[in-house]
Protein backbone atom coordinates (compact mmCIF):
# COMPACT_ATOMS: atom_id res chain seq x y z
CA MET A 1 21.30 27.24 84.90
CA PRO A 2 24.45 28.77 86.48
CA ARG A 3 25.43 25.33 87.79
CA SER A 4 25.13 23.85 84.27
CA SER A 5 27.22 26.67 82.81
CA GLY A 6 29.89 26.08 85.41
CA GLY A 7 30.01 22.40 84.45
CA ARG A 8 30.61 23.25 80.82
CA SER A 9 33.32 25.70 81.79
CA SER A 10 35.04 23.02 83.85
CA ALA A 11 34.86 20.56 80.93
CA ASP A 12 36.23 23.15 78.53
CA SER A 13 39.07 23.85 80.96
CA MET A 14 39.92 20.16 81.10
CA ASN A 15 39.82 19.82 77.32
CA SER A 16 42.10 22.81 76.86
CA SER A 17 44.60 21.74 79.54
CA PRO A 18 48.29 21.61 78.52
CA GLY A 19 48.22 17.80 78.60
CA ALA A 20 45.23 17.63 76.27
CA GLN A 21 46.75 20.20 73.91
CA HIS A 22 50.04 18.28 73.84
CA ALA A 23 48.27 15.02 73.06
CA ALA A 24 46.23 16.67 70.29
CA ASN A 25 49.37 18.18 68.73
CA VAL A 26 51.21 14.87 68.84
CA GLN A 27 48.24 13.07 67.28
CA ALA A 28 48.05 15.67 64.49
CA ILE A 29 51.77 15.30 63.81
CA ARG A 30 51.52 11.50 63.75
CA GLU A 31 48.67 11.65 61.24
CA ALA A 32 50.57 14.16 59.10
CA PHE A 33 53.60 11.87 59.19
CA GLY A 34 51.47 8.95 57.97
CA ARG A 35 50.07 11.02 55.11
CA VAL A 36 53.57 12.11 54.08
CA VAL A 37 54.79 8.50 54.11
CA TYR A 38 51.97 7.55 51.74
CA ALA A 39 52.46 10.63 49.54
CA HIS A 40 56.19 9.91 49.24
CA LYS A 41 55.64 6.28 48.27
CA THR A 42 52.79 7.19 45.88
CA HIS A 43 55.03 9.62 43.98
CA GLU A 44 57.74 6.96 43.82
CA LYS A 45 55.27 4.49 42.31
CA ALA A 46 53.92 7.17 39.95
CA ARG A 47 57.48 7.77 38.74
CA GLU A 48 57.91 4.05 38.10
CA LEU A 49 54.64 3.92 36.14
CA GLU A 50 55.55 6.96 34.03
CA SER A 51 59.04 5.60 33.35
CA ALA A 52 57.55 2.30 32.21
CA LYS A 53 55.15 4.22 29.97
CA ALA A 54 58.09 6.15 28.47
CA ASP A 55 59.97 2.90 27.81
CA ARG A 56 56.95 1.38 26.07
CA SER A 57 56.60 4.49 23.91
CA LYS A 58 60.23 4.22 22.83
CA TRP A 59 59.82 0.57 21.84
CA VAL A 60 56.63 1.29 19.89
CA ASN A 61 58.43 4.11 18.08
CA ILE A 62 61.38 1.83 17.25
CA ALA A 63 59.01 -0.87 15.98
CA LEU A 64 57.14 1.59 13.72
CA VAL A 65 60.35 3.08 12.31
CA THR A 66 61.77 -0.41 11.69
CA LEU A 67 58.56 -1.53 9.98
CA THR A 68 58.47 1.58 7.82
CA SER A 69 62.11 1.32 6.78
CA GLY A 70 61.99 -2.44 6.22
CA THR A 71 58.87 -2.50 4.09
CA LEU A 72 60.02 0.54 2.10
CA LEU A 73 63.38 -1.02 1.27
CA THR A 74 61.76 -4.36 0.46
CA SER A 75 59.18 -2.70 -1.80
CA ILE A 76 61.95 -0.90 -3.71
CA ILE A 77 63.98 -4.09 -4.14
CA THR A 78 61.09 -6.40 -5.05
CA ASP A 79 58.84 -3.81 -6.69
CA GLU A 80 55.91 -5.09 -4.61
CA ARG A 81 53.12 -2.51 -4.58
CA MET A 82 51.47 -4.07 -1.51
CA LEU A 83 54.64 -3.55 0.53
CA LEU A 84 54.65 0.09 -0.56
CA TYR A 85 51.12 0.47 0.82
CA ILE A 86 52.17 -1.17 4.08
CA SER A 87 55.17 1.15 4.27
CA SER A 88 52.98 4.18 3.71
CA GLY A 89 50.57 3.04 6.43
CA ALA A 90 53.42 2.39 8.87
CA SER A 91 54.90 5.79 8.08
CA ALA A 92 51.56 7.47 8.80
CA LEU A 93 51.30 5.56 12.08
CA ALA A 94 54.83 6.59 13.05
CA LEU A 95 54.01 10.23 12.32
CA ALA A 96 50.78 10.08 14.34
CA PHE A 97 52.60 8.41 17.22
CA THR A 98 55.31 11.07 17.15
CA ILE A 99 52.67 13.80 17.35
CA PHE A 100 51.02 11.91 20.22
CA GLN A 101 54.37 11.77 22.07
CA LEU A 102 54.74 15.53 21.73
CA SER A 103 51.43 15.97 23.56
CA PHE A 104 52.26 13.50 26.36
CA THR A 105 55.76 13.46 27.83
CA PRO A 106 55.98 10.65 30.41
CA GLU A 107 59.72 11.27 30.87
CA ALA A 108 59.08 14.82 32.05
CA VAL A 109 56.22 13.72 34.31
CA ALA A 110 58.39 10.94 35.76
CA GLU A 111 61.07 13.51 36.60
CA GLN A 112 58.48 15.71 38.33
CA HIS A 113 57.36 12.75 40.44
CA ARG A 114 60.99 11.99 41.26
CA THR A 115 61.54 15.55 42.47
CA ALA A 116 58.36 15.50 44.57
CA ALA A 117 59.30 12.14 46.11
CA LYS A 118 62.75 13.42 47.10
CA GLU A 119 61.31 16.53 48.73
CA LEU A 120 58.65 14.49 50.55
CA TRP A 121 61.32 12.08 51.78
CA TYR A 122 63.11 15.02 53.42
CA VAL A 123 59.90 16.26 55.08
CA ARG A 124 59.11 12.71 56.19
CA GLU A 125 62.46 12.54 57.96
CA LEU A 126 61.81 15.93 59.60
CA TYR A 127 58.50 14.63 60.95
CA LEU A 128 60.22 11.52 62.25
CA HIS A 129 62.87 13.57 64.04
CA LEU A 130 60.20 15.88 65.47
CA LEU A 131 58.31 12.91 66.92
CA THR A 132 61.58 11.62 68.37
CA ASP A 133 62.35 15.00 69.95
CA ILE A 134 58.84 15.18 71.43
CA GLN A 135 59.21 11.75 72.97
CA THR A 136 62.73 12.23 74.36
CA ASN A 137 62.62 15.86 75.52
CA PRO A 138 59.22 17.50 74.97
CA GLN A 139 59.97 20.54 77.14
CA THR A 140 62.55 21.85 74.67
CA VAL A 141 60.37 21.45 71.57
CA ASP A 142 58.16 24.26 70.28
CA ILE A 143 55.62 21.82 68.85
CA PRO A 144 53.14 24.26 67.25
CA HIS A 145 55.95 26.25 65.59
CA ARG A 146 57.68 23.19 64.10
CA ARG A 147 54.33 21.70 63.10
CA ASP A 148 53.42 24.87 61.20
CA GLU A 149 56.87 25.02 59.57
CA LEU A 150 56.44 21.50 58.23
CA LEU A 151 52.94 22.32 57.04
CA GLU A 152 54.33 25.24 55.02
CA LYS A 153 56.97 22.99 53.47
CA LEU A 154 54.28 20.48 52.50
CA ASN A 155 52.07 23.20 51.06
CA HIS A 156 54.93 24.34 48.81
CA ILE A 157 55.70 20.78 47.66
CA TYR A 158 52.07 19.89 46.93
CA ARG A 159 51.52 23.09 44.95
CA LEU A 160 54.27 22.12 42.50
CA ALA A 161 53.90 18.32 42.52
CA PRO A 162 52.08 16.57 39.66
CA ASP A 163 48.83 14.74 40.37
CA THR A 164 49.02 11.05 41.18
CA SER A 165 46.69 8.30 40.02
CA SER A 166 44.65 5.76 41.94
CA ARG A 167 46.85 3.08 40.38
CA ALA A 168 49.96 4.66 41.89
CA TYR A 169 48.23 4.94 45.28
CA ARG A 170 47.23 1.26 45.20
CA ALA A 171 50.82 0.33 44.35
CA ALA A 172 52.01 2.46 47.29
CA GLN A 173 49.50 0.75 49.60
CA ARG A 174 50.79 -2.65 48.55
CA ALA A 175 54.41 -1.61 49.02
CA LEU A 176 53.81 -0.20 52.50
CA GLN A 177 51.27 -2.66 53.90
CA ILE A 178 52.15 -5.96 52.23
CA ASP A 179 55.75 -5.68 51.02
CA GLU A 180 56.61 -3.51 54.08
CA ASP A 181 58.86 -1.08 52.22
CA MET A 182 60.86 1.21 54.54
CA THR A 183 60.23 -1.16 57.45
CA PHE A 184 63.24 -2.73 59.14
CA THR A 185 63.67 -5.19 61.97
CA SER A 186 66.13 -4.35 64.74
CA ALA A 187 68.51 -7.00 63.41
CA GLU A 188 68.45 -5.49 59.90
CA ILE A 189 69.25 -2.02 61.26
CA ASP A 190 72.11 -3.43 63.34
CA ARG A 191 73.69 -4.86 60.18
CA PHE A 192 73.93 -1.31 58.76
CA LEU A 193 75.59 0.10 61.89
CA PRO A 194 79.10 -0.17 63.31
CA GLU A 195 79.35 -2.63 66.16
CA ALA A 196 79.60 0.15 68.79
CA LEU A 197 76.18 1.54 67.73
CA ARG A 198 74.28 -1.74 67.59
CA SER A 199 71.46 -2.50 69.99
CA PRO A 200 72.37 -4.66 72.99
């Protein structure tokens, strides 16, 4: 029994060695970075969906107002009772749609998604710089402290951010995995840089 206990103690010591702790911290940060990349892109796609919904609502409203006004004027000019009924129906639809718009404000939701995406973009860049610092000079980086700082920032952002839909997440997946948004080749990056900073 004592020999078995000593074996477990040795294994625990190996698992809790500085190298193992460092690797675990780096892996946790990499996974958090991946989640932030997806969250950022999902909120961007959610904003696009809500903006499109707001645009459709505006066009429906314009169409109903135009139909109401047109049929009303035509009914007055031609004295057609049927057109008056159509105008009344269109007016009722326009009123119901206006009430519906007061309950659902896609413009406001789109702006909330925009704000969340901007804040997540900043945290995404912080994660990227942290991973760079760990790789280039790990001895100078307080990994647990910076990891916890970023976690607090994310907690604050997620508390205030609006919920996203599965449709927005699927759009984000397509953008990141198929369309390769935010992915650049070395040659593309070099085109953005002055000649002195380009890769050899």
